[in-house]
Amino acid sequence: MARLVVGVVIAVVVFTIFALVDCALTERARVRGIPKALWLLVVLLLPVLGGVLWFLIGRGPLRRRPLPPDDDPAFLGGGTGPAPAPAHAPIDDELALLEQELANLDSDSDDDGGDGRHR
């Protein structure tokens, strides 16, 4: 029984410290309900209940605003240097070569004078 009590006390202390640190490090814009200093007092004076209230009511959702693409030259206003070559250029060359081979195969099968059936 004593081990259970010690375990519960350790869990309460760890949870309270976690809630205090989270409350202290949370941005003011995310704090709801009451000011941040009062939330710290609530979490400290009401160990379990204060932490639960902080996580359920006091901490607002994280609102991420989309950030601009810093590495996009078109977004940055087109730098002074030439535009980099697209990364897919070798694939385009290979695709053009395969299309040419396919066109050659189609023209060869049309010259056979057959009825359009393939071998």
C-alpha atoms as a PDB file:
ATOM      1  CA  MET A   1       0.000   0.000   0.000  1.00  0.00           C
ATOM      2  CA  ALA A   2       2.847   2.361   0.803  1.00  0.00           C
ATOM      3  CA  ARG A   3       4.333   1.794  -2.649  1.00  0.00           C
ATOM      4  CA  LEU A   4       1.049   2.780  -4.244  1.00  0.00           C
ATOM      5  CA  VAL A   5       0.873   5.997  -2.230  1.00  0.00           C
ATOM      6  CA  VAL A   6       4.482   6.852  -3.117  1.00  0.00           C
ATOM      7  CA  GLY A   7       3.751   6.136  -6.789  1.00  0.00           C
ATOM      8  CA  VAL A   8       0.657   8.346  -6.778  1.00  0.00           C
ATOM      9  CA  VAL A   9       2.521  11.175  -5.027  1.00  0.00           C
ATOM     10  CA  ILE A  10       5.342  10.959  -7.597  1.00  0.00           C
ATOM     11  CA  ALA A  11       2.820  10.977 -10.463  1.00  0.00           C
ATOM     12  CA  VAL A  12       1.053  14.044  -9.001  1.00  0.00           C
ATOM     13  CA  VAL A  13       4.343  15.912  -8.552  1.00  0.00           C
ATOM     14  CA  VAL A  14       5.510  15.064 -12.091  1.00  0.00           C
ATOM     15  CA  PHE A  15       2.150  16.081 -13.596  1.00  0.00           C
ATOM     16  CA  THR A  16       2.120  19.354 -11.638  1.00  0.00           C
ATOM     17  CA  ILE A  17       5.663  20.227 -12.689  1.00  0.00           C
ATOM     18  CA  PHE A  18       4.842  19.383 -16.298  1.00  0.00           C
ATOM     19  CA  ALA A  19       1.716  21.586 -16.199  1.00  0.00           C
ATOM     20  CA  LEU A  20       3.656  24.448 -14.566  1.00  0.00           C
ATOM     21  CA  VAL A  21       6.430  24.329 -17.155  1.00  0.00           C
ATOM     22  CA  ASP A  22       3.937  24.080 -20.002  1.00  0.00           C
ATOM     23  CA  CYS A  23       1.966  27.031 -18.656  1.00  0.00           C
ATOM     24  CA  ALA A  24       5.098  29.113 -18.146  1.00  0.00           C
ATOM     25  CA  LEU A  25       6.420  28.437 -21.659  1.00  0.00           C
ATOM     26  CA  THR A  26       3.140  28.866 -23.532  1.00  0.00           C
ATOM     27  CA  GLU A  27       2.796  32.040 -25.593  1.00  0.00           C
ATOM     28  CA  ARG A  28       0.411  34.648 -24.216  1.00  0.00           C
ATOM     29  CA  ALA A  29      -1.662  34.517 -27.390  1.00  0.00           C
ATOM     30  CA  ARG A  30      -2.581  30.877 -26.642  1.00  0.00           C
ATOM     31  CA  VAL A  31      -3.655  31.423 -23.026  1.00  0.00           C
ATOM     32  CA  ARG A  32      -7.439  31.433 -22.575  1.00  0.00           C
ATOM     33  CA  GLY A  33      -9.703  32.338 -19.700  1.00  0.00           C
ATOM     34  CA  ILE A  34      -7.538  34.110 -17.161  1.00  0.00           C
ATOM     35  CA  PRO A  35      -4.075  35.702 -17.372  1.00  0.00           C
ATOM     36  CA  LYS A  36      -1.034  33.474 -17.446  1.00  0.00           C
ATOM     37  CA  ALA A  37       0.122  34.454 -13.925  1.00  0.00           C
ATOM     38  CA  LEU A  38      -3.215  33.353 -12.479  1.00  0.00           C
ATOM     39  CA  TRP A  39      -3.022  30.054 -14.377  1.00  0.00           C
ATOM     40  CA  LEU A  40       0.373  29.437 -12.800  1.00  0.00           C
ATOM     41  CA  LEU A  41      -1.152  29.999  -9.354  1.00  0.00           C
ATOM     42  CA  VAL A  42      -4.110  27.712 -10.116  1.00  0.00           C
ATOM     43  CA  VAL A  43      -1.791  24.921 -11.293  1.00  0.00           C
ATOM     44  CA  LEU A  44       0.448  25.356  -8.263  1.00  0.00           C
ATOM     45  CA  LEU A  45      -2.308  25.635  -5.616  1.00  0.00           C
ATOM     46  CA  LEU A  46      -4.563  22.901  -7.024  1.00  0.00           C
ATOM     47  CA  PRO A  47      -2.012  20.246  -8.060  1.00  0.00           C
ATOM     48  CA  VAL A  48      -4.081  17.779 -10.103  1.00  0.00           C
ATOM     49  CA  LEU A  49      -7.220  19.798 -10.752  1.00  0.00           C
ATOM     50  CA  GLY A  50      -5.246  22.902 -11.729  1.00  0.00           C
ATOM     51  CA  GLY A  51      -3.189  20.974 -14.268  1.00  0.00           C
ATOM     52  CA  VAL A  52      -6.269  19.330 -15.740  1.00  0.00           C
ATOM     53  CA  LEU A  53      -8.020  22.706 -15.986  1.00  0.00           C
ATOM     54  CA  TRP A  54      -4.954  24.225 -17.633  1.00  0.00           C
ATOM     55  CA  PHE A  55      -4.807  21.553 -20.326  1.00  0.00           C
ATOM     56  CA  LEU A  56      -8.565  21.534 -20.939  1.00  0.00           C
ATOM     57  CA  ILE A  57      -9.434  25.224 -20.678  1.00  0.00           C
ATOM     58  CA  GLY A  58      -6.383  27.442 -20.324  1.00  0.00           C
ATOM     59  CA  ARG A  59      -4.202  26.333 -23.216  1.00  0.00           C
ATOM     60  CA  GLY A  60      -5.662  27.363 -26.542  1.00  0.00           C
ATOM     61  CA  PRO A  61      -5.017  25.637 -29.850  1.00  0.00           C
ATOM     62  CA  LEU A  62      -1.816  26.217 -31.739  1.00  0.00           C
ATOM     63  CA  ARG A  63      -2.563  28.440 -34.713  1.00  0.00           C
ATOM     64  CA  ARG A  64       0.048  28.115 -37.374  1.00  0.00           C
ATOM     65  CA  ARG A  65      -0.011  30.595 -40.155  1.00  0.00           C
ATOM     66  CA  PRO A  66       1.405  29.452 -43.452  1.00  0.00           C
ATOM     67  CA  LEU A  67       4.938  30.652 -44.008  1.00  0.00           C
ATOM     68  CA  PRO A  68       6.089  31.884 -47.402  1.00  0.00           C
ATOM     69  CA  PRO A  69       8.452  29.680 -49.369  1.00  0.00           C
ATOM     70  CA  ASP A  70      11.801  31.358 -48.724  1.00  0.00           C
ATOM     71  CA  ASP A  71      13.623  29.324 -51.349  1.00  0.00           C
ATOM     72  CA  ASP A  72      11.194  29.986 -54.225  1.00  0.00           C
ATOM     73  CA  PRO A  73      12.739  32.538 -56.644  1.00  0.00           C
ATOM     74  CA  ALA A  74       9.345  33.353 -58.140  1.00  0.00           C
ATOM     75  CA  PHE A  75       8.022  34.266 -54.695  1.00  0.00           C
ATOM     76  CA  LEU A  76      11.087  36.289 -53.771  1.00  0.00           C
ATOM     77  CA  GLY A  77      10.677  38.523 -56.804  1.00  0.00           C
ATOM     78  CA  GLY A  78      12.994  36.724 -59.211  1.00  0.00           C
ATOM     79  CA  GLY A  79      16.588  37.135 -58.081  1.00  0.00           C
ATOM     80  CA  THR A  80      19.379  38.690 -60.097  1.00  0.00           C
ATOM     81  CA  GLY A  81      20.764  35.408 -61.420  1.00  0.00           C
ATOM     82  CA  PRO A  82      19.336  33.108 -64.048  1.00  0.00           C
ATOM     83  CA  ALA A  83      16.595  30.719 -63.060  1.00  0.00           C
ATOM     84  CA  PRO A  84      17.863  27.297 -62.076  1.00  0.00           C
ATOM     85  CA  ALA A  85      17.228  24.425 -64.456  1.00  0.00           C
ATOM     86  CA  PRO A  86      14.293  22.275 -63.437  1.00  0.00           C
ATOM     87  CA  ALA A  87      15.224  19.078 -61.688  1.00  0.00           C
ATOM     88  CA  HIS A  88      13.117  17.019 -64.069  1.00  0.00           C
ATOM     89  CA  ALA A  89      14.995  17.922 -67.299  1.00  0.00           C
ATOM     90  CA  PRO A  90      16.719  14.505 -67.696  1.00  0.00           C
ATOM     91  CA  ILE A  91      13.354  12.813 -67.290  1.00  0.00           C
ATOM     92  CA  ASP A  92      11.895  14.998 -70.046  1.00  0.00           C
ATOM     93  CA  ASP A  93      14.730  14.024 -72.387  1.00  0.00           C
ATOM     94  CA  GLU A  94      14.216  10.336 -71.665  1.00  0.00           C
ATOM     95  CA  LEU A  95      10.480  10.703 -72.151  1.00  0.00           C
ATOM     96  CA  ALA A  96      10.994  12.425 -75.522  1.00  0.00           C
ATOM     97  CA  LEU A  97      13.314   9.599 -76.599  1.00  0.00           C
ATOM     98  CA  LEU A  98      10.762   6.948 -75.617  1.00  0.00           C
ATOM     99  CA  GLU A  99       8.002   8.811 -77.466  1.00  0.00           C
ATOM    100  CA  GLN A 100      10.177   8.941 -80.577  1.00  0.00           C
ATOM    101  CA  GLU A 101      10.854   5.175 -80.362  1.00  0.00           C
ATOM    102  CA  LEU A 102       7.124   4.530 -79.969  1.00  0.00           C
ATOM    103  CA  ALA A 103       6.365   6.707 -82.993  1.00  0.00           C
ATOM    104  CA  ASN A 104       8.976   4.778 -85.019  1.00  0.00           C
ATOM    105  CA  LEU A 105       7.413   1.472 -83.988  1.00  0.00           C
ATOM    106  CA  ASP A 106       3.963   2.731 -84.980  1.00  0.00           C
ATOM    107  CA  SER A 107       5.190   3.882 -88.387  1.00  0.00           C
ATOM    108  CA  ASP A 108       6.949   0.526 -88.952  1.00  0.00           C
ATOM    109  CA  SER A 109       3.772  -1.442 -88.217  1.00  0.00           C
ATOM    110  CA  ASP A 110       1.746   0.799 -90.587  1.00  0.00           C
ATOM    111  CA  ASP A 111       4.180   0.114 -93.468  1.00  0.00           C
ATOM    112  CA  ASP A 112       3.616  -3.658 -93.276  1.00  0.00           C
ATOM    113  CA  GLY A 113       0.465  -3.269 -95.363  1.00  0.00           C
ATOM    114  CA  GLY A 114      -1.447  -5.498 -93.031  1.00  0.00           C
ATOM    115  CA  ASP A 115      -4.997  -5.092 -91.865  1.00  0.00           C
ATOM    116  CA  GLY A 116      -3.982  -3.205 -88.750  1.00  0.00           C
ATOM    117  CA  ARG A 117      -3.427  -6.250 -86.546  1.00  0.00           C
ATOM    118  CA  HIS A 118      -0.288  -6.439 -84.482  1.00  0.00           C
ATOM    119  CA  ARG A 119       1.995  -9.445 -84.497  1.00  0.00           C
END
